[in-house]
């Protein structure tokens, strides 16, 4: 048995949760990958994977073995890439998960530059507003836009930040009470981003004493995509707090009006997350570094505007 191949098969099964899925990704037959695991278990003298007709799981020995071999396999991958890339750029496919609004408005143009700069790289970009499980779903990088990140075992790198604006249409403002301070929002129909860490909890900096104030607003429309807020806003159906990049064009055309501009909302951070055993791979480092460079250039032009 090719021992290294057996280790690769074992890790891929653990990551994908099935022999069939691992076999497809490794371009092997189910019988061939089963043979690799059987041979590996025979060599070690222990069972690594407990199989039933419905599911599989790692044994205690399997969990221990997986933790030890991941670093070895990643070091081998990194060494192979480094040697192959001498005189060449990084190569291979990088799978990226990103929020839909950010992906459409900001990420796609950067990916175009990335592919032109690194012709041996390929990108598999999946846009979804759900919180992606990087390991279970086989992603190399997950991009998340959030005020903060919850604790996890993933490696997180802050890429840049984006300002937010409080906006409503002129029609909405003409038919509802005036808004002079954040507390006035309690009397308004607010459009809520349902994937937020705390739905409806909006933070503003008070210009009088530079302290932060939190307002818990309510509304009749919740949605998990910032892009899906645009038509509702321009129809005069509510008020929302959203990244400026989502509504910049509507503000410029006068279809939306910025409110409480002296009360600065919290900025949103863009994070790049990757698995601990993969974040050092050259192709992943290259993509992350490129995104950081390009998106930080945009961040300089994202200062709060009135």
Protein backbone atom coordinates (compact mmCIF):
# COMPACT_ATOMS: atom_id res chain seq x y z
CA UNK A 1 0.00 0.00 0.00
CA UNK A 2 1.07 3.57 -0.71
CA UNK A 3 1.07 4.66 2.93
CA UNK A 4 0.70 8.35 2.11
CA UNK A 5 -2.27 7.58 -0.12
CA UNK A 6 -3.86 5.63 2.72
CA UNK A 7 -3.47 8.62 5.04
CA UNK A 8 -5.01 10.93 2.46
CA UNK A 9 -7.97 8.57 2.08
CA UNK A 10 -8.48 8.38 5.82
CA UNK A 11 -8.47 12.16 6.28
CA UNK A 12 -10.79 12.74 3.35
CA UNK A 13 -13.30 10.20 4.73
CA UNK A 14 -13.16 11.93 8.12
CA UNK A 15 -13.73 15.34 6.48
CA UNK A 16 -16.55 14.27 4.17
CA UNK A 17 -18.27 11.81 6.47
CA UNK A 18 -18.59 9.02 3.93
CA UNK A 19 -16.51 6.66 1.80
CA UNK A 20 -18.49 7.56 -1.33
CA UNK A 21 -17.97 11.32 -1.00
CA UNK A 22 -14.26 10.86 -0.28
CA UNK A 23 -13.89 8.52 -3.25
CA UNK A 24 -15.51 11.05 -5.60
CA UNK A 25 -13.25 13.85 -4.44
CA UNK A 26 -10.12 11.71 -4.73
CA UNK A 27 -11.26 10.30 -8.09
CA UNK A 28 -11.20 6.74 -6.77
CA UNK A 29 -13.70 3.91 -6.78
CA UNK A 30 -15.48 3.12 -3.48
CA UNK A 31 -13.85 -0.30 -3.52
CA UNK A 32 -10.37 1.16 -3.91
CA UNK A 33 -10.77 3.61 -1.04
CA UNK A 34 -12.25 0.87 1.19
CA UNK A 35 -9.22 -1.29 0.43
CA UNK A 36 -6.88 1.56 1.41
CA UNK A 37 -8.59 1.94 4.79
CA UNK A 38 -8.70 -1.80 5.45
CA UNK A 39 -4.97 -2.07 4.70
CA UNK A 40 -4.19 0.95 6.91
CA UNK A 41 -6.18 -0.52 9.82
CA UNK A 42 -4.50 -3.91 9.37
CA UNK A 43 -1.08 -2.28 9.41
CA UNK A 44 -1.86 -0.33 12.60
CA UNK A 45 -3.71 -3.18 14.26
CA UNK A 46 -6.61 -0.95 15.33
CA UNK A 47 -9.98 0.10 13.94
CA UNK A 48 -9.97 3.73 12.84
CA UNK A 49 -13.51 4.03 11.48
CA UNK A 50 -16.64 2.49 12.97
CA UNK A 51 -19.03 1.64 10.12
CA UNK A 52 -22.72 0.85 10.22
CA UNK A 53 -25.26 0.66 7.42
CA UNK A 54 -26.43 4.20 8.23
CA UNK A 55 -23.37 6.15 9.28
CA UNK A 56 -19.71 6.09 10.11
CA UNK A 57 -17.72 7.68 12.90
CA UNK A 58 -14.13 7.75 14.01
CA UNK A 59 -13.11 5.53 16.87
CA UNK A 60 -11.04 6.96 19.70
CA UNK A 61 -7.95 5.60 17.94
CA UNK A 62 -9.18 7.21 14.71
CA UNK A 63 -9.63 10.62 16.34
CA UNK A 64 -6.14 10.44 17.83
CA UNK A 65 -4.60 9.29 14.55
CA UNK A 66 -6.37 12.00 12.53
CA UNK A 67 -5.08 14.74 14.82
CA UNK A 68 -1.51 13.49 14.39
CA UNK A 69 -1.49 12.97 10.62
CA UNK A 70 -3.17 16.23 9.52
CA UNK A 71 -0.08 18.29 10.22
CA UNK A 72 2.10 15.77 8.42
CA UNK A 73 -0.10 15.75 5.33
CA UNK A 74 -0.31 19.54 5.27
CA UNK A 75 3.46 19.86 5.60
CA UNK A 76 3.83 17.43 2.69
CA UNK A 77 1.33 19.42 0.60
CA UNK A 78 3.10 22.67 1.42
CA UNK A 79 6.52 21.16 0.61
CA UNK A 80 5.21 19.78 -2.70
CA UNK A 81 3.64 23.11 -3.64
CA UNK A 82 6.79 25.03 -2.70
CA UNK A 83 8.99 22.83 -4.87
CA UNK A 84 6.54 22.77 -7.79
CA UNK A 85 6.12 26.52 -7.61
CA UNK A 86 9.83 27.35 -7.82
CA UNK A 87 9.96 29.66 -10.81
CA UNK A 88 6.15 29.54 -11.07
CA UNK A 89 3.21 30.96 -9.17
CA UNK A 90 0.92 29.09 -6.78
CA UNK A 91 -1.45 26.59 -8.39
CA UNK A 92 -4.51 24.50 -7.66
CA UNK A 93 -8.16 25.08 -6.81
CA UNK A 94 -9.24 27.16 -3.81
CA UNK A 95 -12.85 26.79 -2.63
CA UNK A 96 -14.25 29.99 -1.11
CA UNK A 97 -17.56 30.54 0.71
CA UNK A 98 -18.80 34.12 1.00
CA UNK A 99 -22.00 36.06 1.80
CA UNK A 100 -24.12 36.76 -1.26
CA UNK A 101 -24.25 40.57 -1.09
CA UNK A 102 -20.54 40.97 -0.41
CA UNK A 103 -19.67 38.35 -3.01
CA UNK A 104 -21.65 40.05 -5.77
CA UNK A 105 -20.70 43.64 -4.97
CA UNK A 106 -17.09 43.44 -3.81
CA UNK A 107 -15.57 39.99 -4.11
CA UNK A 108 -16.30 39.09 -7.73
CA UNK A 109 -14.25 41.97 -9.21
CA UNK A 110 -11.31 41.07 -6.96
CA UNK A 111 -11.51 37.41 -8.01
CA UNK A 112 -11.18 38.56 -11.61
CA UNK A 113 -7.92 40.36 -10.78
CA UNK A 114 -6.71 37.34 -8.79
CA UNK A 115 -7.21 34.93 -11.69
CA UNK A 116 -5.41 37.28 -14.05
CA UNK A 117 -2.49 37.69 -11.65
CA UNK A 118 -2.17 33.96 -10.85
CA UNK A 119 -2.98 31.98 -14.02
CA UNK A 120 -2.33 28.59 -12.38
CA UNK A 121 -4.93 29.17 -9.66
CA UNK A 122 -8.60 28.27 -10.02
CA UNK A 123 -11.41 29.46 -7.76
CA UNK A 124 -14.62 27.69 -6.75
CA UNK A 125 -16.73 30.49 -5.25
CA UNK A 126 -19.98 29.64 -3.44
CA UNK A 127 -22.22 32.54 -2.38
CA UNK A 128 -24.55 31.80 0.53
CA UNK A 129 -25.68 33.83 3.53
CA UNK A 130 -25.69 30.87 5.90
CA UNK A 131 -22.80 30.24 8.30
CA UNK A 132 -20.67 27.70 6.44
CA UNK A 133 -19.06 24.70 8.11
CA UNK A 134 -15.69 24.90 6.41
CA UNK A 135 -14.48 21.41 7.21
CA UNK A 136 -17.72 19.48 6.65
CA UNK A 137 -18.45 21.30 3.39
CA UNK A 138 -14.90 21.17 2.06
CA UNK A 139 -14.04 24.87 1.83
CA UNK A 140 -10.51 26.26 1.97
CA UNK A 141 -11.59 29.78 2.95
CA UNK A 142 -14.82 31.16 4.40
CA UNK A 143 -15.32 34.93 4.29
CA UNK A 144 -17.58 36.34 6.99
CA UNK A 145 -18.82 39.89 7.49
CA UNK A 146 -19.58 40.54 11.14
CA UNK A 147 -18.95 42.92 14.02
CA UNK A 148 -17.07 40.19 15.88
CA UNK A 149 -16.43 36.45 15.57
CA UNK A 150 -17.53 33.72 17.92
CA UNK A 151 -14.77 31.60 19.44
CA UNK A 152 -13.84 28.57 17.35
CA UNK A 153 -10.90 26.37 16.43
CA UNK A 154 -10.68 27.99 12.98
CA UNK A 155 -7.85 30.33 12.03
CA UNK A 156 -9.29 33.82 11.51
CA UNK A 157 -7.65 36.76 9.78
CA UNK A 158 -9.24 40.21 9.72
CA UNK A 159 -9.09 41.51 6.16
CA UNK A 160 -10.75 44.94 6.33
CA UNK A 161 -13.85 46.72 7.61
CA UNK A 162 -16.86 48.45 6.08
CA UNK A 163 -18.98 51.36 7.27
CA UNK A 164 -22.73 51.13 7.74
CA UNK A 165 -25.46 53.69 7.16
CA UNK A 166 -28.96 54.18 8.49
CA UNK A 167 -31.20 54.72 5.47
CA UNK A 168 -34.82 55.13 4.42
CA UNK A 169 -36.61 56.39 1.32
CA UNK A 170 -37.96 59.97 1.07
CA UNK A 171 -41.45 58.49 0.80
CA UNK A 172 -41.07 56.57 4.06
CA UNK A 173 -39.76 59.65 5.86
CA UNK A 174 -42.63 61.79 4.56
CA UNK A 175 -45.21 59.53 6.17
CA UNK A 176 -43.57 58.69 9.50
CA UNK A 177 -42.39 60.58 12.61
CA UNK A 178 -39.10 62.49 12.39
CA UNK A 179 -35.87 60.81 13.54
CA UNK A 180 -33.60 63.04 15.63
CA UNK A 181 -31.76 60.44 17.73
CA UNK A 182 -31.38 56.62 17.81
CA UNK A 183 -34.12 56.26 20.44
CA UNK A 184 -36.63 57.59 17.88
CA UNK A 185 -36.10 54.37 15.92
CA UNK A 186 -38.20 52.53 18.51
CA UNK A 187 -41.29 54.06 16.91
CA UNK A 188 -40.37 52.98 13.39
CA UNK A 189 -40.78 49.91 11.21
CA UNK A 190 -37.21 48.63 10.85
CA UNK A 191 -35.96 46.11 8.30
CA UNK A 192 -33.87 43.50 10.10
CA UNK A 193 -30.94 41.39 8.90
CA UNK A 194 -31.81 37.93 10.19
CA UNK A 195 -28.25 36.56 10.05
CA UNK A 196 -26.94 39.19 12.48
CA UNK A 197 -25.43 38.00 15.76
CA UNK A 198 -28.18 39.88 17.63
CA UNK A 199 -31.15 40.55 15.36
CA UNK A 200 -32.39 44.11 15.74
CA UNK A 201 -29.68 45.25 18.16
CA UNK A 202 -28.11 48.35 16.59
CA UNK A 203 -25.12 50.20 18.09
CA UNK A 204 -24.33 53.88 17.60
CA UNK A 205 -21.66 56.21 18.96
CA UNK A 206 -23.16 59.18 20.78
CA UNK A 207 -21.45 62.36 19.48
CA UNK A 208 -22.11 64.21 22.73
CA UNK A 209 -19.76 62.12 24.86
CA UNK A 210 -18.30 59.56 22.38
CA UNK A 211 -19.92 56.65 24.19
CA UNK A 212 -21.70 53.78 22.53
CA UNK A 213 -25.43 53.30 22.79
CA UNK A 214 -27.42 50.18 21.90
CA UNK A 215 -30.96 50.33 20.53
CA UNK A 216 -33.11 47.22 20.11
CA UNK A 217 -35.43 47.88 17.19
CA UNK A 218 -38.30 45.88 15.71
CA UNK A 219 -39.95 45.50 12.34
CA UNK A 220 -42.21 43.41 10.12
CA UNK A 221 -39.57 42.31 7.59
CA UNK A 222 -36.60 40.07 8.33
CA UNK A 223 -34.28 38.85 5.61
CA UNK A 224 -30.90 37.11 5.46
CA UNK A 225 -29.63 38.98 2.39
CA UNK A 226 -28.72 42.67 2.33
CA UNK A 227 -29.49 42.80 -1.40
CA UNK A 228 -33.07 41.69 -0.69
CA UNK A 229 -33.55 44.82 1.42
CA UNK A 230 -33.08 47.25 -1.46
CA UNK A 231 -36.49 47.03 -3.14
CA UNK A 232 -38.30 47.06 0.19
CA UNK A 233 -36.41 50.19 1.20
CA UNK A 234 -37.06 52.07 -2.05
CA UNK A 235 -40.74 51.07 -1.84
CA UNK A 236 -40.96 53.07 1.39
CA UNK A 237 -41.66 50.07 3.60
CA UNK A 238 -39.10 50.61 6.33
CA UNK A 239 -35.77 51.85 7.60
CA UNK A 240 -32.59 49.85 8.03
CA UNK A 241 -28.95 49.82 9.09
CA UNK A 242 -26.85 48.25 6.33
CA UNK A 243 -23.33 48.29 4.86
CA UNK A 244 -22.86 51.40 2.73
CA UNK A 245 -21.60 49.28 -0.15
CA UNK A 246 -25.07 47.67 -0.46
CA UNK A 247 -26.94 50.97 -1.02
CA UNK A 248 -24.28 53.40 -2.27
CA UNK A 249 -25.87 53.75 -5.71
CA UNK A 250 -29.36 54.30 -4.27
CA UNK A 251 -28.03 57.06 -2.01
CA UNK A 252 -26.26 58.76 -4.92
CA UNK A 253 -29.48 58.71 -7.00
CA UNK A 254 -31.52 60.13 -4.11
CA UNK A 255 -33.67 57.01 -3.78
CA UNK A 256 -32.48 56.60 -0.18
CA UNK A 257 -31.54 59.17 2.46
CA UNK A 258 -28.85 58.74 5.14
CA UNK A 259 -30.11 59.44 8.66
CA UNK A 260 -28.46 60.30 12.00
CA UNK A 261 -25.13 60.76 10.23
CA UNK A 262 -23.58 62.24 13.39
CA UNK A 263 -24.27 58.97 15.24
CA UNK A 264 -21.71 56.57 13.81
CA UNK A 265 -22.81 52.90 13.70
CA UNK A 266 -20.38 50.08 14.42
CA UNK A 267 -18.32 49.09 11.41
CA UNK A 268 -18.49 45.55 10.09
CA UNK A 269 -15.32 43.49 9.83
CA UNK A 270 -14.47 41.08 7.02
CA UNK A 271 -12.74 37.94 8.25
CA UNK A 272 -11.11 35.12 6.29
CA UNK A 273 -11.40 31.80 8.11
CA UNK A 274 -9.60 28.56 7.31
CA UNK A 275 -9.04 25.21 8.97
CA UNK A 276 -6.01 24.95 11.29
CA UNK A 277 -4.51 22.14 9.22
CA UNK A 278 -4.83 24.02 5.89
CA UNK A 279 -4.29 27.74 6.42
CA UNK A 280 -0.52 27.50 5.76
CA UNK A 281 -0.91 25.98 2.29
CA UNK A 282 0.65 28.31 -0.25
CA UNK A 283 -2.40 28.59 -2.50
CA UNK A 284 -4.59 29.54 0.48
CA UNK A 285 -2.06 32.06 1.78
CA UNK A 286 -1.77 33.56 -1.69
CA UNK A 287 -5.52 34.04 -2.06
CA UNK A 288 -5.92 35.46 1.45
CA UNK A 289 -3.00 37.87 0.98
CA UNK A 290 -4.39 39.03 -2.37
CA UNK A 291 -7.86 39.65 -0.95
CA UNK A 292 -6.37 41.57 1.97
CA UNK A 293 -4.31 43.80 -0.33
CA UNK A 294 -7.13 44.58 -2.75
CA UNK A 295 -9.94 45.02 -0.21
CA UNK A 296 -7.88 47.16 2.13
CA UNK A 297 -7.37 49.58 -0.76
CA UNK A 298 -11.15 49.88 -0.95
CA UNK A 299 -11.41 50.29 2.82
CA UNK A 300 -9.50 53.57 2.59
CA UNK A 301 -12.33 54.97 0.49
CA UNK A 302 -15.05 53.69 2.79
CA UNK A 303 -14.87 56.44 5.40
CA UNK A 304 -18.24 57.54 6.81
CA UNK A 305 -19.92 60.06 4.55
CA UNK A 306 -22.70 62.49 5.25
